[in-house]
Amino acid sequence: MKRDLYFSKPIMNTAGLLGFAPDPRAGINFDAFGAFVTNPISLRSRLPAAQPALIEFPGGFLLHSGLPNPGLSAVLKKHEARWNRAEMPIIVNLMADRPEETMRMVQMLEGVDNVMAVELGFAPLLSNDIILLNLEMCVGEIPLIFSLPAEQVLSLGPRLIQEGAAAISITNPRGAIMNDENKLTTGRLYGRSLFPRTLDIVHSAAMLGMPIIGAGGIWTEQDAADMLSAGAMAVEMDASFWVPKEAL
């Protein structure tokens, strides 16, 4: 039986910032969460980037990590029991660049308790055909959330929903900055400067009737409220979890 995607509370985290399972020692108030989103997971283990980086710019920062993880089997072995004990549902973020591997990972998760949904993330510039093939091969019992860059949310999102996706979320955009050694560093962008753009995307998606999860630059409770007012079914907060509240 296909599970429904429903959030009892509208707040959750963006993938890649809080680990593979909720950790009460992290100093995060998980009471406000409607779900916990894992770090991105691949079928096989993945090493960190050769030169990981975090570079600040006005209004935010660029993060380049390489998305290291031990692979889904190792994650399940270590964290499945913690997922089952968690007081909120778990959304497992999967790296979905290869549809056959994505299907295998989704099948591995179908019998895992307390997994609410799978969020599929994609490499930059991946073609629409590959993303649609992921949907065709993986649609089933577990709700699928497709995490898309802004450029694809409004163009591809409606078709994904029509063909069985449960919701669309917004991937943090990519950018490039020169580092201290004057070398170009690329990565994901985070920070409050992203909010006006993502708020506009959420509003446009909601006007099309698309189930949309707002993400990107949501920094305060008011930002989250504004995103929900614009039509988001839930919101993913990111780097604000790393910043002391008195600095907000």
Protein backbone atom coordinates (compact mmCIF):
# COMPACT_ATOMS: atom_id res chain seq x y z
CA MET A 1 0.00 0.00 0.00
CA LYS A 2 1.35 3.41 -0.96
CA ARG A 3 2.13 5.61 2.02
CA ASP A 4 0.86 9.18 2.22
CA LEU A 5 3.23 12.13 2.57
CA TYR A 6 1.92 14.13 5.51
CA PHE A 7 3.69 16.51 7.89
CA SER A 8 2.26 16.91 11.39
CA LYS A 9 4.68 19.84 11.79
CA PRO A 10 6.02 21.83 8.82
CA ILE A 11 9.71 22.17 9.79
CA MET A 12 12.58 19.87 8.85
CA ASN A 13 16.24 20.11 7.92
CA THR A 14 17.90 20.18 4.54
CA ALA A 15 19.92 17.09 3.62
CA GLY A 16 23.63 17.27 4.33
CA LEU A 17 23.71 19.33 7.51
CA LEU A 18 22.67 17.22 10.51
CA GLY A 19 24.02 13.74 9.82
CA PHE A 20 22.31 10.43 9.15
CA ALA A 21 20.00 10.30 12.19
CA PRO A 22 18.65 12.70 14.81
CA ASP A 23 21.25 13.27 17.53
CA PRO A 24 19.96 14.77 20.79
CA ARG A 25 23.53 15.89 21.56
CA ALA A 26 23.52 18.23 18.54
CA GLY A 27 21.78 21.00 20.45
CA ILE A 28 18.88 21.09 17.97
CA ASN A 29 15.28 21.44 19.16
CA PHE A 30 13.81 18.49 17.30
CA ASP A 31 10.42 19.05 18.97
CA ALA A 32 9.55 21.45 16.14
CA PHE A 33 10.42 18.94 13.38
CA GLY A 34 7.81 17.17 11.30
CA ALA A 35 10.55 14.95 9.80
CA PHE A 36 14.31 14.47 9.81
CA VAL A 37 16.15 14.42 6.46
CA THR A 38 19.33 12.34 6.31
CA ASN A 39 22.60 13.31 4.71
CA PRO A 40 22.76 12.26 1.04
CA ILE A 41 23.42 8.52 0.68
CA SER A 42 24.77 6.57 -2.29
CA LEU A 43 24.61 2.84 -2.95
CA ARG A 44 28.35 2.44 -2.44
CA SER A 45 30.66 4.32 -0.09
CA ARG A 46 31.85 7.74 -1.21
CA LEU A 47 34.98 9.57 -0.05
CA PRO A 48 35.11 13.26 0.86
CA ALA A 49 36.24 15.78 -1.73
CA ALA A 50 40.01 15.96 -2.16
CA GLN A 51 39.88 19.61 -1.10
CA PRO A 52 36.69 20.25 0.90
CA ALA A 53 35.89 23.90 1.43
CA LEU A 54 33.61 26.32 3.22
CA ILE A 55 33.96 29.85 1.84
CA GLU A 56 31.92 32.79 3.07
CA PHE A 57 30.50 35.49 0.83
CA PRO A 58 28.17 38.43 1.62
CA GLY A 59 24.83 36.88 2.49
CA GLY A 60 25.96 33.29 2.88
CA PHE A 61 28.62 30.69 2.16
CA LEU A 62 29.68 28.05 -0.35
CA LEU A 63 30.12 24.46 0.83
CA HIS A 64 32.06 21.80 -1.09
CA SER A 65 32.21 18.43 0.67
CA GLY A 66 32.00 15.72 -1.98
CA LEU A 67 28.98 14.24 -0.12
CA PRO A 68 30.95 11.55 1.73
CA ASN A 69 28.98 8.61 3.10
CA PRO A 70 29.59 4.92 3.85
CA GLY A 71 26.93 3.62 1.44
CA LEU A 72 23.33 2.63 2.14
CA SER A 73 24.00 -0.83 3.59
CA ALA A 74 26.45 0.60 6.13
CA VAL A 75 24.07 3.46 6.98
CA LEU A 76 21.23 1.00 7.60
CA LYS A 77 23.43 -1.21 9.77
CA LYS A 78 24.44 1.73 11.95
CA HIS A 79 21.33 3.91 11.96
CA GLU A 80 18.22 1.84 11.20
CA ALA A 81 17.53 1.20 14.88
CA ARG A 82 17.94 4.93 15.61
CA TRP A 83 15.48 5.75 12.81
CA ASN A 84 12.97 3.34 14.33
CA ARG A 85 13.35 4.94 17.78
CA ALA A 86 13.15 8.53 16.50
CA GLU A 87 10.21 10.61 17.64
CA MET A 88 9.73 11.97 14.11
CA PRO A 89 9.53 10.31 10.69
CA ILE A 90 12.71 9.91 8.64
CA ILE A 91 13.14 11.08 5.05
CA VAL A 92 16.12 9.33 3.43
CA ASN A 93 17.98 11.46 0.90
CA LEU A 94 19.45 9.37 -1.91
CA MET A 95 21.91 10.29 -4.66
CA ALA A 96 19.86 9.36 -7.70
CA ASP A 97 22.18 9.86 -10.67
CA ARG A 98 21.91 6.19 -11.76
CA PRO A 99 18.28 4.98 -11.93
CA GLU A 100 19.11 1.27 -11.54
CA GLU A 101 21.03 1.98 -8.33
CA THR A 102 18.30 4.31 -7.10
CA MET A 103 15.68 1.58 -7.60
CA ARG A 104 17.81 -0.87 -5.64
CA MET A 105 18.18 1.61 -2.76
CA VAL A 106 14.46 2.41 -2.68
CA GLN A 107 13.71 -1.33 -2.54
CA MET A 108 16.13 -1.69 0.40
CA LEU A 109 14.18 1.00 2.27
CA GLU A 110 10.67 -0.32 1.65
CA GLY A 111 10.69 -2.54 4.71
CA VAL A 112 12.33 -0.07 7.08
CA ASP A 113 10.05 1.24 9.81
CA ASN A 114 9.57 4.98 10.29
CA VAL A 115 10.88 5.94 6.83
CA MET A 116 8.25 8.43 5.68
CA ALA A 117 9.66 9.14 2.22
CA VAL A 118 12.71 9.16 -0.01
CA GLU A 119 14.13 12.44 -1.29
CA LEU A 120 16.02 12.06 -4.56
CA GLY A 121 18.89 14.43 -5.28
CA PHE A 122 20.70 14.74 -8.60
CA ALA A 123 24.03 15.84 -10.02
CA PRO A 124 24.13 19.25 -11.70
CA LEU A 125 22.86 19.37 -15.28
CA LEU A 126 21.43 15.85 -15.17
CA SER A 127 18.96 15.49 -18.03
CA ASN A 128 15.20 15.46 -17.57
CA ASP A 129 15.11 11.98 -19.13
CA ILE A 130 17.29 10.49 -16.37
CA ILE A 131 15.20 12.16 -13.67
CA LEU A 132 11.98 10.86 -15.25
CA LEU A 133 13.49 7.38 -15.54
CA ASN A 134 14.18 7.46 -11.79
CA LEU A 135 10.49 8.14 -11.23
CA GLU A 136 9.39 5.38 -13.57
CA MET A 137 11.68 2.81 -11.94
CA CYS A 138 11.16 3.82 -8.31
CA VAL A 139 7.53 4.86 -7.92
CA GLY A 140 5.78 2.52 -5.54
CA GLU A 141 5.04 2.20 -1.84
CA ILE A 142 7.40 4.88 -0.54
CA PRO A 143 6.55 8.51 -1.43
CA LEU A 144 9.18 10.12 -3.65
CA ILE A 145 10.28 13.73 -3.19
CA PHE A 146 12.28 15.09 -6.12
CA SER A 147 14.84 17.71 -5.11
CA LEU A 148 15.31 19.95 -8.15
CA PRO A 149 17.26 23.12 -8.90
CA ALA A 150 15.22 26.27 -9.37
CA GLU A 151 15.50 26.02 -13.16
CA GLN A 152 13.69 22.66 -13.21
CA VAL A 153 11.10 23.09 -10.46
CA LEU A 154 8.53 24.84 -12.65
CA SER A 155 9.47 23.17 -15.96
CA LEU A 156 9.83 19.53 -14.89
CA GLY A 157 8.05 19.49 -11.52
CA PRO A 158 4.46 19.39 -12.83
CA ARG A 159 5.20 16.34 -15.00
CA LEU A 160 6.85 14.51 -12.11
CA ILE A 161 3.82 15.13 -9.91
CA GLN A 162 1.46 14.06 -12.70
CA GLU A 163 3.33 10.79 -13.09
CA GLY A 164 3.45 9.84 -9.42
CA ALA A 165 5.95 11.92 -7.42
CA ALA A 166 4.64 12.96 -4.01
CA ALA A 167 6.29 16.39 -3.83
CA ILE A 168 9.05 18.63 -5.17
CA SER A 169 11.72 20.27 -3.02
CA ILE A 170 14.25 22.92 -4.01
CA THR A 171 17.94 22.08 -4.18
CA ASN A 172 20.38 24.70 -2.96
CA PRO A 173 21.90 26.36 -6.02
CA ARG A 174 25.49 25.85 -7.10
CA GLY A 175 28.03 28.61 -7.43
CA ALA A 176 31.74 29.30 -7.68
CA ILE A 177 34.13 31.43 -5.60
CA MET A 178 37.87 32.04 -5.78
CA ASN A 179 39.54 30.64 -2.65
CA ASP A 180 42.49 32.12 -0.74
CA GLU A 181 44.88 30.51 -3.23
CA ASN A 182 43.05 32.16 -6.14
CA LYS A 183 41.65 28.83 -7.34
CA LEU A 184 38.05 28.45 -8.44
CA THR A 185 35.99 26.43 -5.96
CA THR A 186 32.49 25.21 -6.79
CA GLY A 187 29.82 24.00 -4.40
CA ARG A 188 26.36 24.51 -2.96
CA LEU A 189 25.32 27.98 -1.80
CA TYR A 190 23.65 28.61 1.55
CA GLY A 191 22.49 31.72 3.37
CA ARG A 192 19.78 34.33 3.79
CA SER A 193 20.49 35.90 0.40
CA LEU A 194 18.78 32.93 -1.30
CA PHE A 195 15.41 33.49 0.36
CA PRO A 196 13.73 35.99 -2.03
CA ARG A 197 14.43 33.73 -5.01
CA THR A 198 13.16 30.56 -3.37
CA LEU A 199 10.09 32.30 -1.97
CA ASP A 200 9.17 33.35 -5.52
CA ILE A 201 9.64 29.79 -6.80
CA VAL A 202 7.44 28.39 -4.04
CA HIS A 203 4.72 30.92 -4.79
CA SER A 204 4.82 30.09 -8.52
CA ALA A 205 4.78 26.33 -7.86
CA ALA A 206 1.85 26.64 -5.47
CA MET A 207 -0.06 28.65 -8.07
CA LEU A 208 0.31 25.63 -10.38
CA GLY A 209 -1.09 23.36 -7.67
CA MET A 210 2.26 21.62 -7.15
CA PRO A 211 3.04 20.04 -3.74
CA ILE A 212 6.19 22.04 -2.98
CA ILE A 213 8.62 21.90 -0.04
CA GLY A 214 10.28 25.27 0.42
CA ALA A 215 14.05 25.40 0.90
CA GLY A 216 16.88 27.87 0.47
CA GLY A 217 17.68 30.79 2.73
CA ILE A 218 15.02 30.04 5.36
CA TRP A 219 16.71 31.56 8.39
CA THR A 220 14.08 32.54 10.94
CA GLU A 221 10.65 31.43 12.12
CA GLN A 222 9.19 34.34 10.17
CA ASP A 223 10.94 33.15 6.98
CA ALA A 224 9.38 29.72 7.48
CA ALA A 225 5.96 31.26 8.09
CA ASP A 226 6.28 33.38 4.95
CA MET A 227 7.22 30.31 2.91
CA LEU A 228 4.20 28.42 4.23
CA SER A 229 1.96 31.40 3.50
CA ALA A 230 3.26 31.40 -0.07
CA GLY A 231 1.98 27.84 -0.48
CA ALA A 232 4.70 25.45 0.73
CA MET A 233 3.46 22.21 2.29
CA ALA A 234 6.58 22.20 4.53
CA VAL A 235 9.98 23.85 4.70
CA GLU A 236 13.57 22.64 4.92
CA MET A 237 15.85 24.87 6.98
CA ASP A 238 19.58 24.62 6.50
CA ALA A 239 22.55 26.62 7.77
CA SER A 240 20.53 28.49 10.39
CA PHE A 241 20.90 25.34 12.53
CA TRP A 242 24.66 26.00 12.62
CA VAL A 243 24.32 29.62 13.81
CA PRO A 244 23.67 30.62 17.44
CA LYS A 245 20.20 32.13 17.82
CA GLU A 246 21.62 35.38 19.15
CA ALA A 247 23.42 35.80 15.82
CA LEU A 248 20.23 35.56 13.75
